[in-house]
N, C-alpha and C. Protein backbone atom coordinates (compact mmCIF):
# COMPACT_ATOMS: atom_id res chain seq x y z
N MET A 1 139.23 104.72 78.15
CA MET A 1 138.15 105.21 78.62
C MET A 1 137.66 104.73 80.10
N GLU A 2 137.71 105.30 81.11
CA GLU A 2 137.60 104.84 82.34
C GLU A 2 136.00 104.99 82.83
N HIS A 3 135.46 104.02 83.36
CA HIS A 3 134.08 104.04 83.88
C HIS A 3 134.16 103.68 85.44
N ASP A 4 134.51 104.44 86.39
CA ASP A 4 134.69 104.30 87.58
C ASP A 4 133.41 105.05 88.46
N GLN A 5 132.59 104.44 88.96
CA GLN A 5 131.51 105.05 89.67
C GLN A 5 131.81 105.09 91.13
N LYS A 6 132.75 104.23 91.51
CA LYS A 6 132.88 104.31 93.08
C LYS A 6 134.06 105.31 93.49
N GLY A 7 135.24 104.98 92.82
CA GLY A 7 136.63 105.46 93.34
C GLY A 7 136.52 107.01 93.37
N ASP A 8 136.03 107.48 92.09
CA ASP A 8 136.47 108.88 91.59
C ASP A 8 134.83 109.56 91.69
N GLY A 9 133.94 109.48 92.48
CA GLY A 9 132.78 110.18 92.24
C GLY A 9 132.79 111.74 92.98
N GLY A 10 131.54 112.20 93.18
CA GLY A 10 131.27 113.37 93.59
C GLY A 10 131.88 114.46 92.62
N ILE A 11 132.23 115.47 93.36
CA ILE A 11 132.57 116.94 92.40
C ILE A 11 133.52 116.41 91.20
N ALA A 12 134.40 115.55 91.28
CA ALA A 12 135.27 115.39 90.00
C ALA A 12 134.37 114.73 88.96
N ALA A 13 133.30 113.94 89.48
CA ALA A 13 132.39 113.26 88.34
C ALA A 13 131.44 114.19 87.72
N LEU A 14 131.20 115.04 88.56
CA LEU A 14 130.20 116.29 87.95
C LEU A 14 130.90 117.19 87.01
N LEU A 15 132.29 117.33 87.27
CA LEU A 15 133.07 118.38 86.36
C LEU A 15 133.64 117.69 85.02
N ASP A 16 133.43 116.24 85.13
CA ASP A 16 133.83 115.48 83.86
C ASP A 16 132.97 115.79 82.56
N PHE A 17 133.55 116.87 81.80
CA PHE A 17 132.60 117.22 80.61
C PHE A 17 132.91 116.31 79.49
N GLY A 18 133.76 115.27 79.75
CA GLY A 18 133.73 114.37 78.66
C GLY A 18 132.73 113.16 78.85
N PHE A 19 131.99 113.22 79.87
CA PHE A 19 131.04 112.24 80.35
C PHE A 19 131.59 110.86 80.20
N LYS A 20 132.87 110.61 80.65
CA LYS A 20 133.41 109.31 80.78
C LYS A 20 132.97 108.56 82.12
N ARG A 21 132.62 109.39 83.14
CA ARG A 21 132.21 108.79 84.46
C ARG A 21 130.78 109.00 84.42
N PHE A 22 129.99 107.92 84.80
CA PHE A 22 128.61 108.21 85.14
C PHE A 22 128.27 108.29 86.64
N ILE A 23 127.69 109.33 86.84
CA ILE A 23 127.16 109.42 88.42
C ILE A 23 125.78 108.66 88.52
N THR A 24 125.17 108.34 87.34
CA THR A 24 123.62 108.00 87.52
C THR A 24 123.62 106.81 88.39
N LEU A 25 124.53 105.76 88.46
CA LEU A 25 124.28 104.37 88.96
C LEU A 25 124.37 104.70 90.47
N SER A 26 124.93 105.81 91.13
CA SER A 26 125.23 106.19 92.41
C SER A 26 124.04 106.94 92.86
N VAL A 27 123.63 107.74 91.92
CA VAL A 27 122.44 108.68 92.55
C VAL A 27 121.04 107.66 92.35
N ILE A 28 121.21 106.67 91.62
CA ILE A 28 119.77 105.91 91.64
C ILE A 28 119.64 105.09 93.04
N LYS A 29 120.62 104.87 93.63
CA LYS A 29 120.47 104.35 95.19
C LYS A 29 119.72 105.32 95.94
N VAL A 30 120.12 106.63 95.96
CA VAL A 30 119.70 107.76 96.91
C VAL A 30 118.04 107.80 96.16
N LEU A 31 117.87 107.91 94.90
CA LEU A 31 116.54 108.07 94.55
C LEU A 31 115.43 107.08 94.77
N TYR A 32 116.03 105.83 95.03
CA TYR A 32 115.19 104.53 95.42
C TYR A 32 114.87 104.74 96.84
N MET A 33 115.95 105.18 97.62
CA MET A 33 115.50 105.49 99.14
C MET A 33 114.65 106.52 99.31
N LEU A 34 114.71 107.58 98.48
CA LEU A 34 113.92 108.68 98.57
C LEU A 34 112.33 108.31 97.98
N GLY A 35 112.40 107.57 97.22
CA GLY A 35 111.27 106.90 96.61
C GLY A 35 110.38 106.08 97.70
N ILE A 36 111.29 105.18 98.46
CA ILE A 36 110.48 104.46 99.38
C ILE A 36 109.91 105.31 100.55
N ALA A 37 110.72 106.38 100.83
CA ALA A 37 110.22 107.43 101.86
C ALA A 37 109.25 108.21 101.58
N VAL A 38 109.08 108.47 100.08
CA VAL A 38 107.69 109.36 99.75
C VAL A 38 106.74 108.26 99.70
N ILE A 39 106.77 107.10 99.13
CA ILE A 39 105.57 106.14 99.37
C ILE A 39 105.20 105.86 100.62
N CYS A 40 106.07 105.63 101.68
CA CYS A 40 105.70 105.49 102.97
C CYS A 40 104.99 106.70 103.36
N LEU A 41 105.56 107.82 103.28
CA LEU A 41 104.84 109.25 103.67
C LEU A 41 103.43 109.33 103.18
N ALA A 42 103.46 109.00 101.98
CA ALA A 42 101.95 109.17 101.13
C ALA A 42 101.05 108.26 101.79
N LEU A 43 101.41 107.10 102.27
CA LEU A 43 100.68 106.18 103.00
C LEU A 43 100.14 106.52 104.39
N VAL A 44 101.28 107.15 105.02
CA VAL A 44 100.76 107.63 106.31
C VAL A 44 100.06 108.73 106.28
N ILE A 45 100.07 109.82 105.23
CA ILE A 45 99.02 110.82 104.96
C ILE A 45 97.74 110.41 104.65
N ALA A 46 97.82 109.38 103.82
CA ALA A 46 96.52 108.77 103.54
C ALA A 46 95.66 108.25 104.80
N LEU A 47 96.40 107.44 105.69
CA LEU A 47 96.01 106.99 106.76
C LEU A 47 95.36 108.07 107.62
N ILE A 48 96.37 109.09 107.78
CA ILE A 48 95.72 110.29 108.85
C ILE A 48 94.65 110.93 108.20
N SER A 49 94.59 111.12 107.00
CA SER A 49 93.44 111.91 106.37
C SER A 49 92.12 111.21 106.52
N SER A 50 92.34 109.80 106.27
CA SER A 50 91.20 109.07 106.44
C SER A 50 90.36 109.08 107.72
N PHE A 51 90.99 109.43 108.68
CA PHE A 51 90.35 109.49 110.00
C PHE A 51 89.36 110.59 109.96
N THR A 52 89.39 111.74 109.09
CA THR A 52 88.30 112.64 108.96
C THR A 52 87.19 112.19 108.36
N MET A 53 87.42 110.86 107.64
CA MET A 53 86.11 110.67 106.62
C MET A 53 85.36 109.49 107.19
N GLY A 54 85.75 109.00 108.31
CA GLY A 54 84.79 107.90 108.78
C GLY A 54 85.70 106.68 108.96
N VAL A 55 85.02 105.68 109.68
CA VAL A 55 85.58 104.50 110.06
C VAL A 55 85.75 103.45 108.75
N MET A 56 84.94 103.70 107.83
CA MET A 56 84.87 102.88 106.40
C MET A 56 86.31 103.07 105.62
N ALA A 57 86.68 104.52 105.71
CA ALA A 57 87.59 104.91 104.83
C ALA A 57 89.08 104.70 105.57
N VAL A 58 89.00 104.59 107.04
CA VAL A 58 90.22 103.98 107.67
C VAL A 58 90.33 102.65 107.28
N ILE A 59 89.29 101.76 107.60
CA ILE A 59 89.32 100.50 107.20
C ILE A 59 89.97 100.26 105.57
N GLY A 60 89.26 101.08 104.67
CA GLY A 60 89.93 101.04 103.17
C GLY A 60 91.27 101.47 102.99
N VAL A 61 91.61 102.50 103.83
CA VAL A 61 93.12 102.82 103.67
C VAL A 61 93.93 101.56 104.16
N LEU A 62 93.61 101.17 105.29
CA LEU A 62 94.40 100.05 105.85
C LEU A 62 94.56 98.83 105.19
N ILE A 63 93.39 98.47 104.28
CA ILE A 63 93.25 97.40 103.48
C ILE A 63 94.04 97.79 101.90
N VAL A 64 93.48 98.53 101.34
CA VAL A 64 94.09 99.00 99.98
C VAL A 64 95.24 99.94 100.03
N GLY A 65 95.52 100.63 100.96
CA GLY A 65 96.69 101.37 101.08
C GLY A 65 98.07 100.62 100.84
N PRO A 66 98.43 99.64 101.70
CA PRO A 66 99.66 98.80 101.70
C PRO A 66 99.69 98.34 100.01
N ILE A 67 98.56 97.67 99.50
CA ILE A 67 98.69 96.99 98.27
C ILE A 67 99.04 98.09 97.24
N VAL A 68 98.50 99.19 97.48
CA VAL A 68 98.68 100.50 96.24
C VAL A 68 100.28 101.00 96.67
N ALA A 69 100.47 100.77 97.74
CA ALA A 69 102.16 101.39 97.97
C ALA A 69 102.98 100.34 97.55
N LEU A 70 102.62 99.06 97.57
CA LEU A 70 103.69 98.00 97.19
C LEU A 70 103.75 98.21 95.50
N LEU A 71 102.37 98.17 94.96
CA LEU A 71 102.56 98.32 93.53
C LEU A 71 103.30 99.52 93.13
N TYR A 72 103.11 100.81 93.74
CA TYR A 72 104.03 101.97 93.31
C TYR A 72 105.47 101.67 93.54
N LEU A 73 105.73 100.85 94.54
CA LEU A 73 107.16 100.65 94.83
C LEU A 73 107.67 99.66 93.78
N ILE A 74 107.11 98.69 93.45
CA ILE A 74 107.30 97.75 92.39
C ILE A 74 107.64 98.53 90.97
N PHE A 75 106.73 99.33 90.68
CA PHE A 75 106.95 100.16 89.41
C PHE A 75 107.79 101.19 89.37
N PHE A 76 108.12 101.56 90.67
CA PHE A 76 109.18 102.67 90.58
C PHE A 76 110.60 101.85 90.69
N ARG A 77 110.70 100.81 91.09
CA ARG A 77 111.88 99.98 91.18
C ARG A 77 112.24 99.53 89.70
N ILE A 78 111.11 99.04 88.98
CA ILE A 78 111.24 98.63 87.52
C ILE A 78 111.79 99.80 86.81
N TRP A 79 111.26 101.08 86.90
CA TRP A 79 111.53 102.19 86.34
C TRP A 79 113.27 102.60 86.52
N LEU A 80 113.50 102.39 87.76
CA LEU A 80 115.03 102.63 88.03
C LEU A 80 115.80 101.58 87.40
N GLU A 81 115.22 100.27 87.58
CA GLU A 81 116.13 99.17 87.19
C GLU A 81 116.40 99.38 85.37
N LEU A 82 115.35 99.97 84.62
CA LEU A 82 115.53 100.21 83.21
C LEU A 82 116.54 101.13 83.03
N ILE A 83 116.50 102.26 83.94
CA ILE A 83 117.53 103.36 83.65
C ILE A 83 119.06 102.60 83.95
N VAL A 84 118.92 101.95 84.90
CA VAL A 84 120.40 101.33 85.32
C VAL A 84 120.82 100.45 84.03
N VAL A 85 119.84 99.73 83.52
CA VAL A 85 120.35 98.86 82.22
C VAL A 85 120.76 99.64 81.10
N VAL A 86 120.17 100.63 80.74
CA VAL A 86 120.61 101.50 79.91
C VAL A 86 121.94 101.87 80.14
N PHE A 87 122.47 102.46 81.16
CA PHE A 87 123.63 102.73 81.50
C PHE A 87 124.82 101.64 81.71
N ARG A 88 124.36 100.54 81.93
CA ARG A 88 125.00 99.25 81.97
C ARG A 88 125.42 98.81 80.53
N ILE A 89 124.50 98.91 79.75
CA ILE A 89 124.55 98.65 78.10
C ILE A 89 125.73 99.57 77.63
N GLY A 90 125.69 101.07 77.78
CA GLY A 90 126.54 101.71 77.44
C GLY A 90 128.12 101.57 77.97
N GLU A 91 127.85 101.20 79.14
CA GLU A 91 129.33 100.65 79.81
C GLU A 91 129.96 99.50 79.15
N ASN A 92 129.28 98.56 78.98
CA ASN A 92 129.70 97.44 78.27
C ASN A 92 130.03 97.56 76.90
N THR A 93 129.19 98.30 76.16
CA THR A 93 129.54 98.69 74.75
C THR A 93 130.94 99.25 74.68
N SER A 94 131.26 100.51 75.68
CA SER A 94 132.34 101.10 75.75
C SER A 94 133.68 100.13 75.93
N LYS A 95 133.44 99.21 76.76
CA LYS A 95 134.44 98.07 76.96
C LYS A 95 134.60 97.09 75.83
N LEU A 96 133.55 96.91 75.15
CA LEU A 96 133.69 95.94 73.91
C LEU A 96 134.56 97.00 72.84
N VAL A 97 134.21 98.28 72.44
CA VAL A 97 134.97 98.92 71.75
C VAL A 97 136.35 99.02 72.27
N GLU A 98 136.78 99.07 73.55
CA GLU A 98 137.98 99.24 73.74
C GLU A 98 138.86 98.07 73.53
N MET A 99 138.18 96.73 73.87
CA MET A 99 138.72 95.64 73.71
C MET A 99 139.01 95.46 71.99
N ARG A 100 138.29 96.02 71.14
CA ARG A 100 138.55 95.63 69.87
C ARG A 100 139.50 96.52 69.21
N GLY A 101 139.73 97.59 70.03
CA GLY A 101 140.74 98.56 69.21
C GLY A 101 140.27 99.88 68.78
N GLY A 102 138.70 100.25 69.01
CA GLY A 102 138.37 101.36 68.27
C GLY A 102 137.20 100.84 67.96
N PRO A 103 136.43 102.11 67.17
CA PRO A 103 135.04 102.07 66.69
C PRO A 103 135.26 101.12 65.51
N PRO A 104 134.21 100.38 64.95
CA PRO A 104 134.02 99.58 63.91
C PRO A 104 134.20 100.51 62.66
N ALA A 105 134.95 100.01 61.57
CA ALA A 105 135.21 100.66 60.36
C ALA A 105 133.85 101.03 59.57
N ALA A 106 133.59 102.04 58.94
CA ALA A 106 132.39 102.19 58.16
C ALA A 106 132.11 101.28 57.03
N PRO A 107 131.10 100.68 56.61
CA PRO A 107 131.12 99.76 55.53
C PRO A 107 131.21 100.46 54.32
N PRO A 108 131.72 99.81 53.23
CA PRO A 108 132.07 100.48 51.99
C PRO A 108 130.93 101.03 51.24
N MET A 109 130.86 102.21 50.54
CA MET A 109 130.03 102.76 49.97
C MET A 109 129.59 101.96 48.57
N PRO A 110 128.45 101.55 48.17
CA PRO A 110 128.35 101.05 46.92
C PRO A 110 128.35 101.88 45.81
């Protein structure tokens, strides 16, 4: 069983009906970049919309906005890392099964 995310990605990985190759690890990078862009865009939109609400709203967004954006980025990163960990566990488990020569035998029935 081959787990190659870099060499044979793209359409070939999408058409792998045996799910021997995971595309999630390469898609995660794109999702992280999109997440950063969305968080930054939300911060800019909040800042622009605060101009219609008065000076105190602008000051509030300038102070609280970056903190909230940073917290969203941290939680988004942790969520993506948890997804990566699950897939890495699957890959490492597959490698262990290959090294041992197949799935473990079923325990004897009492």
